[in-house]
Amino acid sequence: MSGDQWWFCLKHMAVEPEKGCPNKDRLGPYATRDEAAAALQTAAARNKSWQESDKEWDDD
């Protein structure tokens, strides 16, 4: 890894390099620009997985 980090800005709904909006407005860091571009889909998939795990836990 080259040390570059990418972020997804929730304020501007855009991928940003390390120098960008404050971290409170961003998701990341991500290793690649493509990973940052998929940040919302990644977060949605993780949330779904966690909700399913919570449901399984609650059902036990």
PDB file of N, CA and C in Angstrom:
ATOM      1  N   MET A   1       0.850  -1.180   0.000  1.00  0.00           N
ATOM      2  CA  MET A   1       0.000   0.000   0.000  1.00  0.00           C
ATOM      3  C   MET A   1       0.884   1.227   0.000  1.00  0.00           C
ATOM      4  N   SER A   2       0.541   2.212  -0.785  1.00  0.00           N
ATOM      5  CA  SER A   2       1.371   3.397  -0.945  1.00  0.00           C
ATOM      6  C   SER A   2       1.199   4.395   0.192  1.00  0.00           C
ATOM      7  N   GLY A   3       0.220   4.202   1.050  1.00  0.00           N
ATOM      8  CA  GLY A   3      -0.026   5.153   2.117  1.00  0.00           C
ATOM      9  C   GLY A   3      -1.136   6.128   1.778  1.00  0.00           C
ATOM     10  N   ASP A   4      -1.578   6.135   0.518  1.00  0.00           N
ATOM     11  CA  ASP A   4      -2.694   6.996   0.144  1.00  0.00           C
ATOM     12  C   ASP A   4      -3.959   6.483   0.800  1.00  0.00           C
ATOM     13  N   GLN A   5      -4.779   7.414   1.250  1.00  0.00           N
ATOM     14  CA  GLN A   5      -6.061   7.047   1.822  1.00  0.00           C
ATOM     15  C   GLN A   5      -7.149   7.841   1.119  1.00  0.00           C
ATOM     16  N   TRP A   6      -8.291   7.199   0.982  1.00  0.00           N
ATOM     17  CA  TRP A   6      -9.441   7.813   0.332  1.00  0.00           C
ATOM     18  C   TRP A   6     -10.620   7.784   1.284  1.00  0.00           C
ATOM     19  N   TRP A   7     -11.491   8.765   1.166  1.00  0.00           N
ATOM     20  CA  TRP A   7     -12.639   8.941   2.030  1.00  0.00           C
ATOM     21  C   TRP A   7     -13.875   9.202   1.188  1.00  0.00           C
ATOM     22  N   PHE A   8     -15.050   8.898   1.732  1.00  0.00           N
ATOM     23  CA  PHE A   8     -16.299   9.259   1.082  1.00  0.00           C
ATOM     24  C   PHE A   8     -16.942  10.349   1.914  1.00  0.00           C
ATOM     25  N   CYS A   9     -17.115  11.527   1.332  1.00  0.00           N
ATOM     26  CA  CYS A   9     -17.687  12.671   2.022  1.00  0.00           C
ATOM     27  C   CYS A   9     -19.214  12.588   1.973  1.00  0.00           C
ATOM     28  N   LEU A  10     -19.832  12.538   3.155  1.00  0.00           N
ATOM     29  CA  LEU A  10     -21.290  12.473   3.242  1.00  0.00           C
ATOM     30  C   LEU A  10     -21.933  13.820   2.960  1.00  0.00           C
ATOM     31  N   LYS A  11     -21.193  14.878   3.133  1.00  0.00           N
ATOM     32  CA  LYS A  11     -21.712  16.229   2.872  1.00  0.00           C
ATOM     33  C   LYS A  11     -21.821  16.483   1.369  1.00  0.00           C
ATOM     34  N   HIS A  12     -20.790  16.082   0.636  1.00  0.00           N
ATOM     35  CA  HIS A  12     -20.735  16.331  -0.809  1.00  0.00           C
ATOM     36  C   HIS A  12     -21.070  15.096  -1.647  1.00  0.00           C
ATOM     37  N   MET A  13     -21.238  13.952  -0.951  1.00  0.00           N
ATOM     38  CA  MET A  13     -21.521  12.684  -1.636  1.00  0.00           C
ATOM     39  C   MET A  13     -20.494  12.414  -2.737  1.00  0.00           C
ATOM     40  N   ALA A  14     -19.224  12.539  -2.343  1.00  0.00           N
ATOM     41  CA  ALA A  14     -18.141  12.369  -3.300  1.00  0.00           C
ATOM     42  C   ALA A  14     -16.919  11.768  -2.621  1.00  0.00           C
ATOM     43  N   VAL A  15     -16.072  11.129  -3.411  1.00  0.00           N
ATOM     44  CA  VAL A  15     -14.808  10.585  -2.933  1.00  0.00           C
ATOM     45  C   VAL A  15     -13.811  11.725  -2.796  1.00  0.00           C
ATOM     46  N   GLU A  16     -13.045  11.687  -1.702  1.00  0.00           N
ATOM     47  CA  GLU A  16     -12.039  12.718  -1.456  1.00  0.00           C
ATOM     48  C   GLU A  16     -10.714  12.067  -1.073  1.00  0.00           C
ATOM     49  N   PRO A  17      -9.614  12.761  -1.371  1.00  0.00           N
ATOM     50  CA  PRO A  17      -8.318  12.290  -0.873  1.00  0.00           C
ATOM     51  C   PRO A  17      -8.218  12.607   0.617  1.00  0.00           C
ATOM     52  N   GLU A  18      -7.077  12.262   1.200  1.00  0.00           N
ATOM     53  CA  GLU A  18      -6.897  12.470   2.642  1.00  0.00           C
ATOM     54  C   GLU A  18      -7.141  13.919   3.053  1.00  0.00           C
ATOM     55  N   LYS A  19      -6.690  14.850   2.252  1.00  0.00           N
ATOM     56  CA  LYS A  19      -6.948  16.270   2.518  1.00  0.00           C
ATOM     57  C   LYS A  19      -8.313  16.615   1.951  1.00  0.00           C
ATOM     58  N   GLY A  20      -9.277  16.769   2.834  1.00  0.00           N
ATOM     59  CA  GLY A  20     -10.622  17.060   2.381  1.00  0.00           C
ATOM     60  C   GLY A  20     -11.453  17.592   3.531  1.00  0.00           C
ATOM     61  N   CYS A  21     -12.711  17.283   3.510  1.00  0.00           N
ATOM     62  CA  CYS A  21     -13.624  17.728   4.559  1.00  0.00           C
ATOM     63  C   CYS A  21     -13.229  17.105   5.901  1.00  0.00           C
ATOM     64  N   PRO A  22     -13.750  17.660   6.993  1.00  0.00           N
ATOM     65  CA  PRO A  22     -13.458  17.083   8.309  1.00  0.00           C
ATOM     66  C   PRO A  22     -13.936  15.627   8.393  1.00  0.00           C
ATOM     67  N   ASN A  23     -13.218  14.824   9.155  1.00  0.00           N
ATOM     68  CA  ASN A  23     -13.554  13.404   9.264  1.00  0.00           C
ATOM     69  C   ASN A  23     -14.956  13.163   9.791  1.00  0.00           C
ATOM     70  N   LYS A  24     -15.516  14.093  10.539  1.00  0.00           N
ATOM     71  CA  LYS A  24     -16.875  13.917  11.071  1.00  0.00           C
ATOM     72  C   LYS A  24     -17.904  13.842   9.947  1.00  0.00           C
ATOM     73  N   ASP A  25     -17.547  14.317   8.766  1.00  0.00           N
ATOM     74  CA  ASP A  25     -18.447  14.315   7.615  1.00  0.00           C
ATOM     75  C   ASP A  25     -18.120  13.215   6.606  1.00  0.00           C
ATOM     76  N   ARG A  26     -17.205  12.289   6.992  1.00  0.00           N
ATOM     77  CA  ARG A  26     -16.740  11.316   6.007  1.00  0.00           C
ATOM     78  C   ARG A  26     -16.747   9.889   6.534  1.00  0.00           C
ATOM     79  N   LEU A  27     -16.782   8.953   5.604  1.00  0.00           N
ATOM     80  CA  LEU A  27     -16.577   7.541   5.892  1.00  0.00           C
ATOM     81  C   LEU A  27     -15.190   7.166   5.392  1.00  0.00           C
ATOM     82  N   GLY A  28     -14.490   6.374   6.159  1.00  0.00           N
ATOM     83  CA  GLY A  28     -13.165   5.956   5.732  1.00  0.00           C
ATOM     84  C   GLY A  28     -12.200   5.928   6.891  1.00  0.00           C
ATOM     85  N   PRO A  29     -10.975   5.725   6.612  1.00  0.00           N
ATOM     86  CA  PRO A  29     -10.340   5.732   5.299  1.00  0.00           C
ATOM     87  C   PRO A  29     -10.457   4.395   4.571  1.00  0.00           C
ATOM     88  N   TYR A  30     -10.309   4.479   3.274  1.00  0.00           N
ATOM     89  CA  TYR A  30     -10.279   3.316   2.399  1.00  0.00           C
ATOM     90  C   TYR A  30      -8.955   3.301   1.657  1.00  0.00           C
ATOM     91  N   ALA A  31      -8.508   2.119   1.287  1.00  0.00           N
ATOM     92  CA  ALA A  31      -7.208   1.965   0.630  1.00  0.00           C
ATOM     93  C   ALA A  31      -7.213   2.439  -0.817  1.00  0.00           C
ATOM     94  N   THR A  32      -8.379   2.367  -1.471  1.00  0.00           N
ATOM     95  CA  THR A  32      -8.450   2.763  -2.880  1.00  0.00           C
ATOM     96  C   THR A  32      -9.629   3.705  -3.110  1.00  0.00           C
ATOM     97  N   ARG A  33      -9.540   4.418  -4.206  1.00  0.00           N
ATOM     98  CA  ARG A  33     -10.626   5.312  -4.595  1.00  0.00           C
ATOM     99  C   ARG A  33     -11.918   4.520  -4.852  1.00  0.00           C
ATOM    100  N   ASP A  34     -11.790   3.353  -5.466  1.00  0.00           N
ATOM    101  CA  ASP A  34     -12.960   2.513  -5.757  1.00  0.00           C
ATOM    102  C   ASP A  34     -13.641   2.039  -4.476  1.00  0.00           C
ATOM    103  N   GLU A  35     -12.848   1.658  -3.467  1.00  0.00           N
ATOM    104  CA  GLU A  35     -13.430   1.247  -2.188  1.00  0.00           C
ATOM    105  C   GLU A  35     -14.184   2.408  -1.545  1.00  0.00           C
ATOM    106  N   ALA A  36     -13.623   3.593  -1.626  1.00  0.00           N
ATOM    107  CA  ALA A  36     -14.291   4.771  -1.066  1.00  0.00           C
ATOM    108  C   ALA A  36     -15.586   5.064  -1.824  1.00  0.00           C
ATOM    109  N   ALA A  37     -15.562   4.886  -3.135  1.00  0.00           N
ATOM    110  CA  ALA A  37     -16.761   5.135  -3.942  1.00  0.00           C
ATOM    111  C   ALA A  37     -17.891   4.179  -3.567  1.00  0.00           C
ATOM    112  N   ALA A  38     -17.547   3.008  -3.083  1.00  0.00           N
ATOM    113  CA  ALA A  38     -18.545   2.011  -2.692  1.00  0.00           C
ATOM    114  C   ALA A  38     -18.871   2.081  -1.199  1.00  0.00           C
ATOM    115  N   ALA A  39     -18.488   3.139  -0.528  1.00  0.00           N
ATOM    116  CA  ALA A  39     -18.636   3.247   0.929  1.00  0.00           C
ATOM    117  C   ALA A  39     -20.085   3.082   1.385  1.00  0.00           C
ATOM    118  N   LEU A  40     -21.021   3.692   0.708  1.00  0.00           N
ATOM    119  CA  LEU A  40     -22.422   3.593   1.132  1.00  0.00           C
ATOM    120  C   LEU A  40     -22.943   2.170   0.972  1.00  0.00           C
ATOM    121  N   GLN A  41     -22.554   1.497  -0.099  1.00  0.00           N
ATOM    122  CA  GLN A  41     -22.979   0.115  -0.309  1.00  0.00           C
ATOM    123  C   GLN A  41     -22.327  -0.794   0.736  1.00  0.00           C
ATOM    124  N   THR A  42     -21.058  -0.546   1.043  1.00  0.00           N
ATOM    125  CA  THR A  42     -20.354  -1.325   2.057  1.00  0.00           C
ATOM    126  C   THR A  42     -21.016  -1.150   3.413  1.00  0.00           C
ATOM    127  N   ALA A  43     -21.335   0.087   3.772  1.00  0.00           N
ATOM    128  CA  ALA A  43     -21.988   0.360   5.054  1.00  0.00           C
ATOM    129  C   ALA A  43     -23.362  -0.306   5.117  1.00  0.00           C
ATOM    130  N   ALA A  44     -24.117  -0.249   4.037  1.00  0.00           N
ATOM    131  CA  ALA A  44     -25.442  -0.869   4.013  1.00  0.00           C
ATOM    132  C   ALA A  44     -25.339  -2.386   4.184  1.00  0.00           C
ATOM    133  N   ALA A  45     -24.381  -3.000   3.522  1.00  0.00           N
ATOM    134  CA  ALA A  45     -24.201  -4.447   3.628  1.00  0.00           C
ATOM    135  C   ALA A  45     -23.786  -4.832   5.049  1.00  0.00           C
ATOM    136  N   ARG A  46     -22.891  -4.056   5.649  1.00  0.00           N
ATOM    137  CA  ARG A  46     -22.477  -4.342   7.026  1.00  0.00           C
ATOM    138  C   ARG A  46     -23.645  -4.162   7.990  1.00  0.00           C
ATOM    139  N   ASN A  47     -24.423  -3.114   7.818  1.00  0.00           N
ATOM    140  CA  ASN A  47     -25.582  -2.889   8.690  1.00  0.00           C
ATOM    141  C   ASN A  47     -26.566  -4.046   8.590  1.00  0.00           C
ATOM    142  N   LYS A  48     -26.809  -4.513   7.366  1.00  0.00           N
ATOM    143  CA  LYS A  48     -27.734  -5.637   7.171  1.00  0.00           C
ATOM    144  C   LYS A  48     -27.217  -6.880   7.880  1.00  0.00           C
ATOM    145  N   SER A  49     -25.925  -7.141   7.733  1.00  0.00           N
ATOM    146  CA  SER A  49     -25.321  -8.299   8.381  1.00  0.00           C
ATOM    147  C   SER A  49     -25.429  -8.197   9.896  1.00  0.00           C
ATOM    148  N   TRP A  50     -25.157  -7.019  10.443  1.00  0.00           N
ATOM    149  CA  TRP A  50     -25.243  -6.826  11.895  1.00  0.00           C
ATOM    150  C   TRP A  50     -26.683  -6.980  12.376  1.00  0.00           C
ATOM    151  N   GLN A  51     -27.636  -6.458  11.612  1.00  0.00           N
ATOM    152  CA  GLN A  51     -29.043  -6.593  12.000  1.00  0.00           C
ATOM    153  C   GLN A  51     -29.472  -8.057  11.999  1.00  0.00           C
ATOM    154  N   GLU A  52     -29.008  -8.823  11.012  1.00  0.00           N
ATOM    155  CA  GLU A  52     -29.326 -10.244  10.957  1.00  0.00           C
ATOM    156  C   GLU A  52     -28.699 -10.982  12.139  1.00  0.00           C
ATOM    157  N   SER A  53     -27.469 -10.622  12.485  1.00  0.00           N
ATOM    158  CA  SER A  53     -26.804 -11.230  13.641  1.00  0.00           C
ATOM    159  C   SER A  53     -27.544 -10.885  14.923  1.00  0.00           C
ATOM    160  N   ASP A  54     -27.979  -9.637  15.052  1.00  0.00           N
ATOM    161  CA  ASP A  54     -28.740  -9.230  16.235  1.00  0.00           C
ATOM    162  C   ASP A  54     -30.057 -10.002  16.318  1.00  0.00           C
ATOM    163  N   LYS A  55     -30.704 -10.198  15.176  1.00  0.00           N
ATOM    164  CA  LYS A  55     -31.977 -10.927  15.167  1.00  0.00           C
ATOM    165  C   LYS A  55     -31.746 -12.369  15.613  1.00  0.00           C
ATOM    166  N   GLU A  56     -30.681 -12.996  15.115  1.00  0.00           N
ATOM    167  CA  GLU A  56     -30.357 -14.366  15.525  1.00  0.00           C
ATOM    168  C   GLU A  56     -30.077 -14.405  17.025  1.00  0.00           C
ATOM    169  N   TRP A  57     -29.364 -13.407  17.525  1.00  0.00           N
ATOM    170  CA  TRP A  57     -29.034 -13.337  18.951  1.00  0.00           C
ATOM    171  C   TRP A  57     -30.327 -13.179  19.766  1.00  0.00           C
ATOM    172  N   ASP A  58     -31.209 -12.305  19.318  1.00  0.00           N
ATOM    173  CA  ASP A  58     -32.464 -12.056  20.028  1.00  0.00           C
ATOM    174  C   ASP A  58     -33.384 -13.278  20.006  1.00  0.00           C
ATOM    175  N   ASP A  59     -33.326 -14.061  18.925  1.00  0.00           N
ATOM    176  CA  ASP A  59     -34.192 -15.230  18.787  1.00  0.00           C
ATOM    177  C   ASP A  59     -33.746 -16.397  19.661  1.00  0.00           C
ATOM    178  N   ASP A  60     -32.485 -16.405  20.060  1.00  0.00           N
ATOM    179  CA  ASP A  60     -31.961 -17.527  20.879  1.00  0.00           C
ATOM    180  C   ASP A  60     -32.466 -17.476  22.292  1.00  0.00           C
TER     181      ASP A  60
END
